[in-house]
C-alpha atoms as a PDB file:
ATOM      1  CA  MET A   1     -29.839  15.440  21.999  1.00  0.00           C
ATOM      2  CA  ASN A   2     -26.952  14.333  24.169  1.00  0.00           C
ATOM      3  CA  LYS A   3     -24.850  17.146  25.567  1.00  0.00           C
ATOM      4  CA  PRO A   4     -21.311  16.967  24.178  1.00  0.00           C
ATOM      5  CA  THR A   5     -18.641  16.680  26.834  1.00  0.00           C
ATOM      6  CA  ARG A   6     -15.697  17.887  24.779  1.00  0.00           C
ATOM      7  CA  PRO A   7     -14.736  18.294  21.132  1.00  0.00           C
ATOM      8  CA  PHE A   8     -13.701  15.108  19.378  1.00  0.00           C
ATOM      9  CA  ASP A   9     -10.125  14.085  18.578  1.00  0.00           C
ATOM     10  CA  PHE A  10      -8.830  16.938  16.410  1.00  0.00           C
ATOM     11  CA  ASP A  11      -6.021  15.018  14.715  1.00  0.00           C
ATOM     12  CA  ARG A  12      -8.381  12.273  13.629  1.00  0.00           C
ATOM     13  CA  TYR A  13     -10.955  14.638  12.118  1.00  0.00           C
ATOM     14  CA  GLU A  14      -8.861  17.604  10.961  1.00  0.00           C
ATOM     15  CA  GLU A  15      -9.628  16.957   7.278  1.00  0.00           C
ATOM     16  CA  LEU A  16     -13.389  16.837   7.923  1.00  0.00           C
ATOM     17  CA  LEU A  17     -13.259  20.178   9.740  1.00  0.00           C
ATOM     18  CA  ARG A  18     -11.953  21.857   6.581  1.00  0.00           C
ATOM     19  CA  ASP A  19     -15.288  21.168   4.901  1.00  0.00           C
ATOM     20  CA  PRO A  20     -17.833  23.893   5.792  1.00  0.00           C
ATOM     21  CA  GLU A  21     -20.722  21.395   5.956  1.00  0.00           C
ATOM     22  CA  HIS A  22     -18.937  19.159   8.467  1.00  0.00           C
ATOM     23  CA  ALA A  23     -17.580  22.139  10.391  1.00  0.00           C
ATOM     24  CA  ALA A  24     -21.092  23.608  10.686  1.00  0.00           C
ATOM     25  CA  ILE A  25     -22.529  20.374  12.093  1.00  0.00           C
ATOM     26  CA  TYR A  26     -19.613  20.030  14.513  1.00  0.00           C
ATOM     27  CA  LEU A  27     -19.908  23.623  15.767  1.00  0.00           C
ATOM     28  CA  ALA A  28     -23.717  23.493  16.026  1.00  0.00           C
ATOM     29  CA  GLU A  29     -23.533  20.571  18.445  1.00  0.00           C
ATOM     30  CA  PHE A  30     -21.350  22.537  20.829  1.00  0.00           C
ATOM     31  CA  LEU A  31     -23.278  25.780  20.445  1.00  0.00           C
ATOM     32  CA  GLU A  32     -26.548  23.984  21.199  1.00  0.00           C
ATOM     33  CA  SER A  33     -25.024  22.547  24.373  1.00  0.00           C
ATOM     34  CA  GLY A  34     -24.915  26.054  25.817  1.00  0.00           C
ATOM     35  CA  ASP A  35     -21.338  25.529  27.015  1.00  0.00           C
ATOM     36  CA  MET A  36     -19.469  28.495  25.543  1.00  0.00           C
ATOM     37  CA  GLU A  37     -16.090  27.149  26.645  1.00  0.00           C
ATOM     38  CA  LEU A  38     -16.638  23.953  24.640  1.00  0.00           C
ATOM     39  CA  PHE A  39     -17.940  25.941  21.677  1.00  0.00           C
ATOM     40  CA  GLN A  40     -14.820  28.132  21.697  1.00  0.00           C
ATOM     41  CA  GLU A  41     -12.620  25.028  21.819  1.00  0.00           C
ATOM     42  CA  ALA A  42     -14.523  23.537  18.884  1.00  0.00           C
ATOM     43  CA  LEU A  43     -14.246  26.817  16.962  1.00  0.00           C
ATOM     44  CA  ARG A  44     -10.500  26.856  17.639  1.00  0.00           C
ATOM     45  CA  HIS A  45     -10.250  23.315  16.216  1.00  0.00           C
ATOM     46  CA  VAL A  46     -12.099  24.317  13.057  1.00  0.00           C
ATOM     47  CA  ALA A  47      -9.917  27.427  12.668  1.00  0.00           C
ATOM     48  CA  LYS A  48      -6.737  25.352  13.094  1.00  0.00           C
ATOM     49  CA  ALA A  49      -7.909  22.965  10.380  1.00  0.00           C
ATOM     50  CA  GLN A  50      -8.361  25.750   7.812  1.00  0.00           C
ATOM     51  CA  ALA A  51      -5.742  26.510   5.172  1.00  0.00           C
ATOM     52  CA  GLY A  52      -3.278  28.803   6.900  1.00  0.00           C
ATOM     53  CA  GLY A  53      -4.444  27.690  10.338  1.00  0.00           C
ATOM     54  CA  LEU A  54      -5.277  30.230  13.012  1.00  0.00           C
ATOM     55  CA  ALA A  55      -2.998  32.850  11.451  1.00  0.00           C
ATOM     56  CA  GLY A  56      -4.804  32.496   8.121  1.00  0.00           C
ATOM     57  CA  VAL A  57      -8.215  32.798   9.765  1.00  0.00           C
ATOM     58  CA  ALA A  58      -7.059  35.882  11.687  1.00  0.00           C
ATOM     59  CA  GLU A  59      -5.915  37.496   8.451  1.00  0.00           C
ATOM     60  CA  GLN A  60      -9.140  36.619   6.607  1.00  0.00           C
ATOM     61  CA  ALA A  61     -11.205  37.919   9.534  1.00  0.00           C
ATOM     62  CA  ASP A  62      -9.150  41.112   9.687  1.00  0.00           C
ATOM     63  CA  LEU A  63      -8.214  40.361  13.297  1.00  0.00           C
ATOM     64  CA  ASN A  64      -4.917  40.555  15.099  1.00  0.00           C
ATOM     65  CA  ARG A  65      -3.615  36.999  15.535  1.00  0.00           C
ATOM     66  CA  GLY A  66      -3.171  37.581  19.272  1.00  0.00           C
ATOM     67  CA  SER A  67      -6.787  38.746  19.531  1.00  0.00           C
ATOM     68  CA  LEU A  68      -7.970  35.600  17.774  1.00  0.00           C
ATOM     69  CA  TYR A  69      -5.971  33.363  20.116  1.00  0.00           C
ATOM     70  CA  LYS A  70      -7.304  35.266  23.149  1.00  0.00           C
ATOM     71  CA  SER A  71     -10.893  35.156  21.870  1.00  0.00           C
ATOM     72  CA  LEU A  72     -10.772  31.399  21.376  1.00  0.00           C
ATOM     73  CA  SER A  73      -8.863  30.628  24.572  1.00  0.00           C
ATOM     74  CA  LYS A  74     -10.477  28.833  27.495  1.00  0.00           C
ATOM     75  CA  ASN A  75     -11.006  32.128  29.318  1.00  0.00           C
ATOM     76  CA  GLY A  76     -11.776  34.203  26.227  1.00  0.00           C
ATOM     77  CA  LYS A  77     -14.938  36.279  26.108  1.00  0.00           C
ATOM     78  CA  PRO A  78     -15.287  37.078  22.404  1.00  0.00           C
ATOM     79  CA  GLN A  79     -17.838  39.616  21.277  1.00  0.00           C
ATOM     80  CA  PHE A  80     -20.537  38.560  18.823  1.00  0.00           C
ATOM     81  CA  GLU A  81     -18.912  40.667  16.082  1.00  0.00           C
ATOM     82  CA  THR A  82     -15.601  38.846  16.567  1.00  0.00           C
ATOM     83  CA  LEU A  83     -17.280  35.436  16.384  1.00  0.00           C
ATOM     84  CA  ALA A  84     -19.158  36.484  13.242  1.00  0.00           C
ATOM     85  CA  LYS A  85     -15.882  37.592  11.599  1.00  0.00           C
ATOM     86  CA  ILE A  86     -14.172  34.315  12.521  1.00  0.00           C
ATOM     87  CA  LEU A  87     -17.042  32.265  11.126  1.00  0.00           C
ATOM     88  CA  ALA A  88     -17.205  34.344   7.937  1.00  0.00           C
ATOM     89  CA  ALA A  89     -13.466  33.828   7.406  1.00  0.00           C
ATOM     90  CA  MET A  90     -14.156  30.084   7.413  1.00  0.00           C
ATOM     91  CA  GLY A  91     -17.169  30.297   5.096  1.00  0.00           C
ATOM     92  CA  LEU A  92     -19.696  29.929   7.928  1.00  0.00           C
ATOM     93  CA  GLN A  93     -22.346  32.135   9.525  1.00  0.00           C
ATOM     94  CA  PHE A  94     -24.722  32.205  12.469  1.00  0.00           C
ATOM     95  CA  THR A  95     -28.366  31.340  11.848  1.00  0.00           C
ATOM     96  CA  ILE A  96     -31.320  31.590  14.175  1.00  0.00           C
ATOM     97  CA  THR A  97     -34.006  28.921  14.225  1.00  0.00           C
ATOM     98  CA  PRO A  98     -37.050  28.342  16.420  1.00  0.00           C
ATOM     99  CA  SER A  99     -36.478  26.315  19.557  1.00  0.00           C
ATOM    100  CA  HIS A 100     -38.133  22.931  19.666  1.00  0.00           C
ATOM    101  CA  GLN A 101     -38.942  23.450  23.333  1.00  0.00           C
ATOM    102  CA  GLN A 102     -42.531  24.134  24.282  1.00  0.00           C
ATOM    103  CA  SER A 103     -43.546  26.037  27.386  1.00  0.00           C
END
């Protein structure tokens, strides 16, 4: 799989990111890259695309809006629990699958 270099053009794909299936595929690509900064940017894009935007996601996740912005900022270091709440607010969840790498 090619390593993504940055999230795609948000304005062009905003409608697709509202759909949980498309959002999951989009986020998985960045999570698999191992680049947490890119993943956070992608997660921010998906959150912005949701009904109510970032403020709506913060409310659904029972997070302070400022905390959500900080967590998804370039320098944010969100805890796993915070990421799980954000994903749940958007109808998504983490899953764990076996690696396809062999030792």
